[in-house]
PDB file of N, CA and C in Angstrom:
ATOM      1  N   MET A   1      83.226  42.732  87.206  1.00  0.00           N
ATOM      2  CA  MET A   1      82.389  42.202  86.166  1.00  0.00           C
ATOM      3  C   MET A   1      81.748  43.348  85.374  1.00  0.00           C
ATOM      4  N   TYR A   2      81.363  44.390  86.100  1.00  0.00           N
ATOM      5  CA  TYR A   2      80.720  45.530  85.452  1.00  0.00           C
ATOM      6  C   TYR A   2      81.643  46.168  84.419  1.00  0.00           C
ATOM      7  N   ALA A   3      82.912  46.333  84.771  1.00  0.00           N
ATOM      8  CA  ALA A   3      83.855  46.987  83.857  1.00  0.00           C
ATOM      9  C   ALA A   3      84.006  46.191  82.561  1.00  0.00           C
ATOM     10  N   ALA A   4      84.064  44.874  82.667  1.00  0.00           N
ATOM     11  CA  ALA A   4      84.185  44.037  81.472  1.00  0.00           C
ATOM     12  C   ALA A   4      82.919  44.135  80.623  1.00  0.00           C
ATOM     13  N   ALA A   5      81.767  44.132  81.277  1.00  0.00           N
ATOM     14  CA  ALA A   5      80.504  44.248  80.550  1.00  0.00           C
ATOM     15  C   ALA A   5      80.407  45.602  79.853  1.00  0.00           C
ATOM     16  N   LEU A   6      80.814  46.644  80.544  1.00  0.00           N
ATOM     17  CA  LEU A   6      80.790  47.988  79.962  1.00  0.00           C
ATOM     18  C   LEU A   6      81.698  48.055  78.741  1.00  0.00           C
ATOM     19  N   GLN A   7      82.893  47.486  78.853  1.00  0.00           N
ATOM     20  CA  GLN A   7      83.827  47.483  77.731  1.00  0.00           C
ATOM     21  C   GLN A   7      83.233  46.732  76.541  1.00  0.00           C
ATOM     22  N   TYR A   8      82.605  45.600  76.807  1.00  0.00           N
ATOM     23  CA  TYR A   8      82.002  44.805  75.739  1.00  0.00           C
ATOM     24  C   TYR A   8      80.879  45.586  75.040  1.00  0.00           C
ATOM     25  N   VAL A   9      79.995  46.180  75.821  1.00  0.00           N
ATOM     26  CA  VAL A   9      78.871  46.922  75.238  1.00  0.00           C
ATOM     27  C   VAL A   9      79.379  48.134  74.461  1.00  0.00           C
ATOM     28  N   ARG A  10      80.385  48.793  74.971  1.00  0.00           N
ATOM     29  CA  ARG A  10      80.975  49.919  74.234  1.00  0.00           C
ATOM     30  C   ARG A  10      81.529  49.453  72.896  1.00  0.00           C
ATOM     31  N   LYS A  11      82.218  48.318  72.906  1.00  0.00           N
ATOM     32  CA  LYS A  11      82.823  47.792  71.678  1.00  0.00           C
ATOM     33  C   LYS A  11      81.747  47.419  70.665  1.00  0.00           C
ATOM     34  N   VAL A  12      80.736  46.704  71.127  1.00  0.00           N
ATOM     35  CA  VAL A  12      79.683  46.241  70.222  1.00  0.00           C
ATOM     36  C   VAL A  12      78.861  47.409  69.679  1.00  0.00           C
ATOM     37  N   SER A  13      78.574  48.382  70.539  1.00  0.00           N
ATOM     38  CA  SER A  13      77.742  49.508  70.111  1.00  0.00           C
ATOM     39  C   SER A  13      78.527  50.536  69.303  1.00  0.00           C
ATOM     40  N   GLY A  14      79.852  50.514  69.453  1.00  0.00           N
ATOM     41  CA  GLY A  14      80.668  51.494  68.753  1.00  0.00           C
ATOM     42  C   GLY A  14      80.603  52.866  69.396  1.00  0.00           C
ATOM     43  N   SER A  15      80.193  52.905  70.649  1.00  0.00           N
ATOM     44  CA  SER A  15      80.022  54.178  71.334  1.00  0.00           C
ATOM     45  C   SER A  15      80.552  54.078  72.756  1.00  0.00           C
ATOM     46  N   THR A  16      81.352  55.055  73.153  1.00  0.00           N
ATOM     47  CA  THR A  16      81.836  55.054  74.532  1.00  0.00           C
ATOM     48  C   THR A  16      80.866  55.774  75.457  1.00  0.00           C
ATOM     49  N   LYS A  17      80.097  56.691  74.902  1.00  0.00           N
ATOM     50  CA  LYS A  17      79.106  57.424  75.689  1.00  0.00           C
ATOM     51  C   LYS A  17      77.847  57.541  74.842  1.00  0.00           C
ATOM     52  N   PRO A  18      76.809  56.790  75.197  1.00  0.00           N
ATOM     53  CA  PRO A  18      75.585  56.836  74.390  1.00  0.00           C
ATOM     54  C   PRO A  18      74.849  58.164  74.564  1.00  0.00           C
ATOM     55  N   SER A  19      74.011  58.470  73.597  1.00  0.00           N
ATOM     56  CA  SER A  19      73.181  59.667  73.701  1.00  0.00           C
ATOM     57  C   SER A  19      72.150  59.459  74.805  1.00  0.00           C
ATOM     58  N   GLN A  20      71.526  60.534  75.232  1.00  0.00           N
ATOM     59  CA  GLN A  20      70.498  60.418  76.276  1.00  0.00           C
ATOM     60  C   GLN A  20      69.371  59.497  75.825  1.00  0.00           C
ATOM     61  N   ALA A  21      69.064  59.523  74.541  1.00  0.00           N
ATOM     62  CA  ALA A  21      67.991  58.679  74.014  1.00  0.00           C
ATOM     63  C   ALA A  21      68.334  57.195  74.127  1.00  0.00           C
ATOM     64  N   ASN A  22      69.619  56.866  74.084  1.00  0.00           N
ATOM     65  CA  ASN A  22      70.046  55.467  74.125  1.00  0.00           C
ATOM     66  C   ASN A  22      70.607  55.038  75.479  1.00  0.00           C
ATOM     67  N   GLN A  23      70.672  55.945  76.434  1.00  0.00           N
ATOM     68  CA  GLN A  23      71.305  55.647  77.719  1.00  0.00           C
ATOM     69  C   GLN A  23      70.645  54.472  78.440  1.00  0.00           C
ATOM     70  N   ALA A  24      69.330  54.426  78.457  1.00  0.00           N
ATOM     71  CA  ALA A  24      68.624  53.349  79.160  1.00  0.00           C
ATOM     72  C   ALA A  24      68.925  51.994  78.523  1.00  0.00           C
ATOM     73  N   ALA A  25      68.911  51.938  77.202  1.00  0.00           N
ATOM     74  CA  ALA A  25      69.203  50.680  76.507  1.00  0.00           C
ATOM     75  C   ALA A  25      70.653  50.266  76.747  1.00  0.00           C
ATOM     76  N   PHE A  26      71.548  51.232  76.736  1.00  0.00           N
ATOM     77  CA  PHE A  26      72.966  50.976  76.977  1.00  0.00           C
ATOM     78  C   PHE A  26      73.170  50.409  78.383  1.00  0.00           C
ATOM     79  N   ASP A  27      72.576  51.060  79.378  1.00  0.00           N
ATOM     80  CA  ASP A  27      72.704  50.608  80.763  1.00  0.00           C
ATOM     81  C   ASP A  27      72.100  49.222  80.957  1.00  0.00           C
ATOM     82  N   ALA A  28      70.959  48.976  80.317  1.00  0.00           N
ATOM     83  CA  ALA A  28      70.319  47.661  80.418  1.00  0.00           C
ATOM     84  C   ALA A  28      71.207  46.585  79.797  1.00  0.00           C
ATOM     85  N   ALA A  29      71.823  46.907  78.673  1.00  0.00           N
ATOM     86  CA  ALA A  29      72.706  45.945  78.017  1.00  0.00           C
ATOM     87  C   ALA A  29      73.906  45.622  78.897  1.00  0.00           C
ATOM     88  N   VAL A  30      74.484  46.629  79.526  1.00  0.00           N
ATOM     89  CA  VAL A  30      75.624  46.405  80.422  1.00  0.00           C
ATOM     90  C   VAL A  30      75.204  45.494  81.574  1.00  0.00           C
ATOM     91  N   ALA A  31      74.056  45.760  82.159  1.00  0.00           N
ATOM     92  CA  ALA A  31      73.573  44.940  83.276  1.00  0.00           C
ATOM     93  C   ALA A  31      73.322  43.499  82.838  1.00  0.00           C
ATOM     94  N   GLU A  32      72.735  43.321  81.663  1.00  0.00           N
ATOM     95  CA  GLU A  32      72.448  41.970  81.172  1.00  0.00           C
ATOM     96  C   GLU A  32      73.726  41.199  80.857  1.00  0.00           C
ATOM     97  N   VAL A  33      74.697  41.865  80.251  1.00  0.00           N
ATOM     98  CA  VAL A  33      75.969  41.203  79.942  1.00  0.00           C
ATOM     99  C   VAL A  33      76.689  40.831  81.240  1.00  0.00           C
ATOM    100  N   ALA A  34      76.692  41.723  82.208  1.00  0.00           N
ATOM    101  CA  ALA A  34      77.329  41.427  83.492  1.00  0.00           C
ATOM    102  C   ALA A  34      76.642  40.242  84.166  1.00  0.00           C
ATOM    103  N   HIS A  35      75.317  40.213  84.116  1.00  0.00           N
ATOM    104  CA  HIS A  35      74.564  39.110  84.719  1.00  0.00           C
ATOM    105  C   HIS A  35      74.868  37.792  84.008  1.00  0.00           C
ATOM    106  N   ALA A  36      74.861  37.807  82.684  1.00  0.00           N
ATOM    107  CA  ALA A  36      75.137  36.589  81.919  1.00  0.00           C
ATOM    108  C   ALA A  36      76.554  36.087  82.187  1.00  0.00           C
ATOM    109  N   THR A  37      77.494  37.003  82.299  1.00  0.00           N
ATOM    110  CA  THR A  37      78.875  36.621  82.574  1.00  0.00           C
ATOM    111  C   THR A  37      78.999  36.006  83.957  1.00  0.00           C
ATOM    112  N   GLN A  38      78.357  36.612  84.942  1.00  0.00           N
ATOM    113  CA  GLN A  38      78.399  36.068  86.299  1.00  0.00           C
ATOM    114  C   GLN A  38      77.740  34.697  86.347  1.00  0.00           C
ATOM    115  N   HIS A  39      76.638  34.542  85.635  1.00  0.00           N
ATOM    116  CA  HIS A  39      75.943  33.253  85.571  1.00  0.00           C
ATOM    117  C   HIS A  39      76.865  32.182  84.985  1.00  0.00           C
ATOM    118  N   LEU A  40      77.558  32.529  83.909  1.00  0.00           N
ATOM    119  CA  LEU A  40      78.495  31.594  83.293  1.00  0.00           C
ATOM    120  C   LEU A  40      79.582  31.189  84.278  1.00  0.00           C
ATOM    121  N   LEU A  41      80.206  32.168  84.912  1.00  0.00           N
ATOM    122  CA  LEU A  41      81.295  31.869  85.840  1.00  0.00           C
ATOM    123  C   LEU A  41      80.822  31.045  87.033  1.00  0.00           C
ATOM    124  N   ASP A  42      79.614  31.305  87.485  1.00  0.00           N
ATOM    125  CA  ASP A  42      79.069  30.554  88.618  1.00  0.00           C
ATOM    126  C   ASP A  42      78.805  29.094  88.278  1.00  0.00           C
ATOM    127  N   HIS A  43      78.585  28.801  87.006  1.00  0.00           N
ATOM    128  CA  HIS A  43      78.202  27.448  86.620  1.00  0.00           C
ATOM    129  C   HIS A  43      79.297  26.654  85.915  1.00  0.00           C
ATOM    130  N   LEU A  44      80.457  27.239  85.713  1.00  0.00           N
ATOM    131  CA  LEU A  44      81.562  26.495  85.116  1.00  0.00           C
ATOM    132  C   LEU A  44      82.109  25.494  86.126  1.00  0.00           C
ATOM    133  N   VAL A  45      82.475  24.332  85.641  1.00  0.00           N
ATOM    134  CA  VAL A  45      83.089  23.319  86.500  1.00  0.00           C
ATOM    135  C   VAL A  45      84.384  22.851  85.850  1.00  0.00           C
ATOM    136  N   THR A  46      85.309  22.411  86.674  1.00  0.00           N
ATOM    137  CA  THR A  46      86.565  21.882  86.165  1.00  0.00           C
ATOM    138  C   THR A  46      87.088  20.823  87.121  1.00  0.00           C
ATOM    139  N   ASN A  47      87.822  19.899  86.572  1.00  0.00           N
ATOM    140  CA  ASN A  47      88.472  18.876  87.385  1.00  0.00           C
ATOM    141  C   ASN A  47      89.955  19.165  87.541  1.00  0.00           C
ATOM    142  N   ALA A  48      90.426  20.180  86.831  1.00  0.00           N
ATOM    143  CA  ALA A  48      91.847  20.523  86.875  1.00  0.00           C
ATOM    144  C   ALA A  48      92.169  21.255  88.177  1.00  0.00           C
ATOM    145  N   PRO A  49      93.318  20.972  88.737  1.00  0.00           N
ATOM    146  CA  PRO A  49      93.714  21.701  89.949  1.00  0.00           C
ATOM    147  C   PRO A  49      94.061  23.149  89.593  1.00  0.00           C
ATOM    148  N   PRO A  50      93.925  24.066  90.535  1.00  0.00           N
ATOM    149  CA  PRO A  50      94.283  25.455  90.247  1.00  0.00           C
ATOM    150  C   PRO A  50      95.774  25.571  89.941  1.00  0.00           C
ATOM    151  N   LYS A  51      96.111  26.506  89.071  1.00  0.00           N
ATOM    152  CA  LYS A  51      97.512  26.697  88.699  1.00  0.00           C
ATOM    153  C   LYS A  51      98.191  27.643  89.678  1.00  0.00           C
ATOM    154  N   ASP A  52      99.470  27.400  89.891  1.00  0.00           N
ATOM    155  CA  ASP A  52     100.292  28.225  90.770  1.00  0.00           C
ATOM    156  C   ASP A  52     101.053  29.221  89.893  1.00  0.00           C
ATOM    157  N   ARG A  53     100.864  30.499  90.132  1.00  0.00           N
ATOM    158  CA  ARG A  53     101.499  31.530  89.303  1.00  0.00           C
ATOM    159  C   ARG A  53     103.016  31.399  89.280  1.00  0.00           C
ATOM    160  N   GLU A  54     103.603  31.119  90.425  1.00  0.00           N
ATOM    161  CA  GLU A  54     105.066  31.014  90.500  1.00  0.00           C
ATOM    162  C   GLU A  54     105.568  29.844  89.655  1.00  0.00           C
ATOM    163  N   VAL A  55     104.890  28.719  89.737  1.00  0.00           N
ATOM    164  CA  VAL A  55     105.289  27.538  88.959  1.00  0.00           C
ATOM    165  C   VAL A  55     105.136  27.821  87.470  1.00  0.00           C
ATOM    166  N   GLU A  56     104.016  28.427  87.083  1.00  0.00           N
ATOM    167  CA  GLU A  56     103.786  28.736  85.670  1.00  0.00           C
ATOM    168  C   GLU A  56     104.812  29.742  85.152  1.00  0.00           C
ATOM    169  N   ALA A  57     105.175  30.725  85.966  1.00  0.00           N
ATOM    170  CA  ALA A  57     106.179  31.716  85.563  1.00  0.00           C
ATOM    171  C   ALA A  57     107.540  31.048  85.377  1.00  0.00           C
ATOM    172  N   ALA A  58     107.880  30.120  86.259  1.00  0.00           N
ATOM    173  CA  ALA A  58     109.154  29.407  86.137  1.00  0.00           C
ATOM    174  C   ALA A  58     109.179  28.573  84.860  1.00  0.00           C
ATOM    175  N   LYS A  59     108.066  27.932  84.536  1.00  0.00           N
ATOM    176  CA  LYS A  59     107.985  27.153  83.298  1.00  0.00           C
ATOM    177  C   LYS A  59     108.164  28.063  82.080  1.00  0.00           C
ATOM    178  N   ALA A  60     107.529  29.221  82.117  1.00  0.00           N
ATOM    179  CA  ALA A  60     107.638  30.163  81.001  1.00  0.00           C
ATOM    180  C   ALA A  60     109.071  30.655  80.842  1.00  0.00           C
ATOM    181  N   ARG A  61     109.738  30.939  81.960  1.00  0.00           N
ATOM    182  CA  ARG A  61     111.136  31.374  81.889  1.00  0.00           C
ATOM    183  C   ARG A  61     112.016  30.275  81.309  1.00  0.00           C
ATOM    184  N   ALA A  62     111.756  29.036  81.701  1.00  0.00           N
ATOM    185  CA  ALA A  62     112.544  27.915  81.188  1.00  0.00           C
ATOM    186  C   ALA A  62     112.327  27.746  79.685  1.00  0.00           C
ATOM    187  N   ARG A  63     111.077  27.853  79.241  1.00  0.00           N
ATOM    188  CA  ARG A  63     110.799  27.747  77.799  1.00  0.00           C
ATOM    189  C   ARG A  63     111.480  28.869  77.036  1.00  0.00           C
ATOM    190  N   SER A  64     111.436  30.064  77.595  1.00  0.00           N
ATOM    191  CA  SER A  64     112.052  31.217  76.947  1.00  0.00           C
ATOM    192  C   SER A  64     113.565  31.046  76.864  1.00  0.00           C
ATOM    193  N   ALA A  65     114.163  30.578  77.945  1.00  0.00           N
ATOM    194  CA  ALA A  65     115.615  30.381  77.958  1.00  0.00           C
ATOM    195  C   ALA A  65     116.020  29.330  76.931  1.00  0.00           C
ATOM    196  N   GLU A  66     115.216  28.288  76.808  1.00  0.00           N
ATOM    197  CA  GLU A  66     115.523  27.240  75.834  1.00  0.00           C
ATOM    198  C   GLU A  66     115.350  27.760  74.411  1.00  0.00           C
ATOM    199  N   ARG A  67     114.323  28.545  74.204  1.00  0.00           N
ATOM    200  CA  ARG A  67     114.026  29.050  72.863  1.00  0.00           C
ATOM    201  C   ARG A  67     115.016  30.118  72.420  1.00  0.00           C
ATOM    202  N   TYR A  68     115.332  31.054  73.309  1.00  0.00           N
ATOM    203  CA  TYR A  68     116.146  32.206  72.923  1.00  0.00           C
ATOM    204  C   TYR A  68     117.550  32.184  73.493  1.00  0.00           C
ATOM    205  N   GLY A  69     117.853  31.224  74.310  1.00  0.00           N
ATOM    206  CA  GLY A  69     119.160  31.177  74.952  1.00  0.00           C
ATOM    207  C   GLY A  69     119.169  32.043  76.192  1.00  0.00           C
ATOM    208  N   ARG A  70     120.076  31.777  77.044  1.00  0.00           N
ATOM    209  CA  ARG A  70     120.166  32.544  78.297  1.00  0.00           C
ATOM    210  C   ARG A  70     120.634  33.957  78.014  1.00  0.00           C
ATOM    211  N   VAL A  71     119.999  34.898  78.681  1.00  0.00           N
ATOM    212  CA  VAL A  71     120.383  36.298  78.553  1.00  0.00           C
ATOM    213  C   VAL A  71     121.236  36.654  79.754  1.00  0.00           C
ATOM    214  N   ALA A  72     122.404  37.231  79.505  1.00  0.00           N
ATOM    215  CA  ALA A  72     123.291  37.613  80.608  1.00  0.00           C
ATOM    216  C   ALA A  72     122.643  38.730  81.399  1.00  0.00           C
ATOM    217  N   GLY A  73     122.768  38.677  82.686  1.00  0.00           N
ATOM    218  CA  GLY A  73     122.185  39.769  83.443  1.00  0.00           C
ATOM    219  C   GLY A  73     122.099  39.515  84.834  1.00  0.00           C
TER     220      GLY A  73
END
């Protein structure tokens, strides 16, 4: 979660490494974004069953084969 928050704050601030004067604000923003993201994920609900990666990959391969034709190999 921290890495995603850091990436977001870097993108929004336009800075990958803040100055010493801005370091505290930068770190606080990363912590707040990480907290808000975790809060969101903790409170999301769904009625849909979890997806199976293998099944989804097979569906994607079938769609691709239908769209582009079978590739020899």
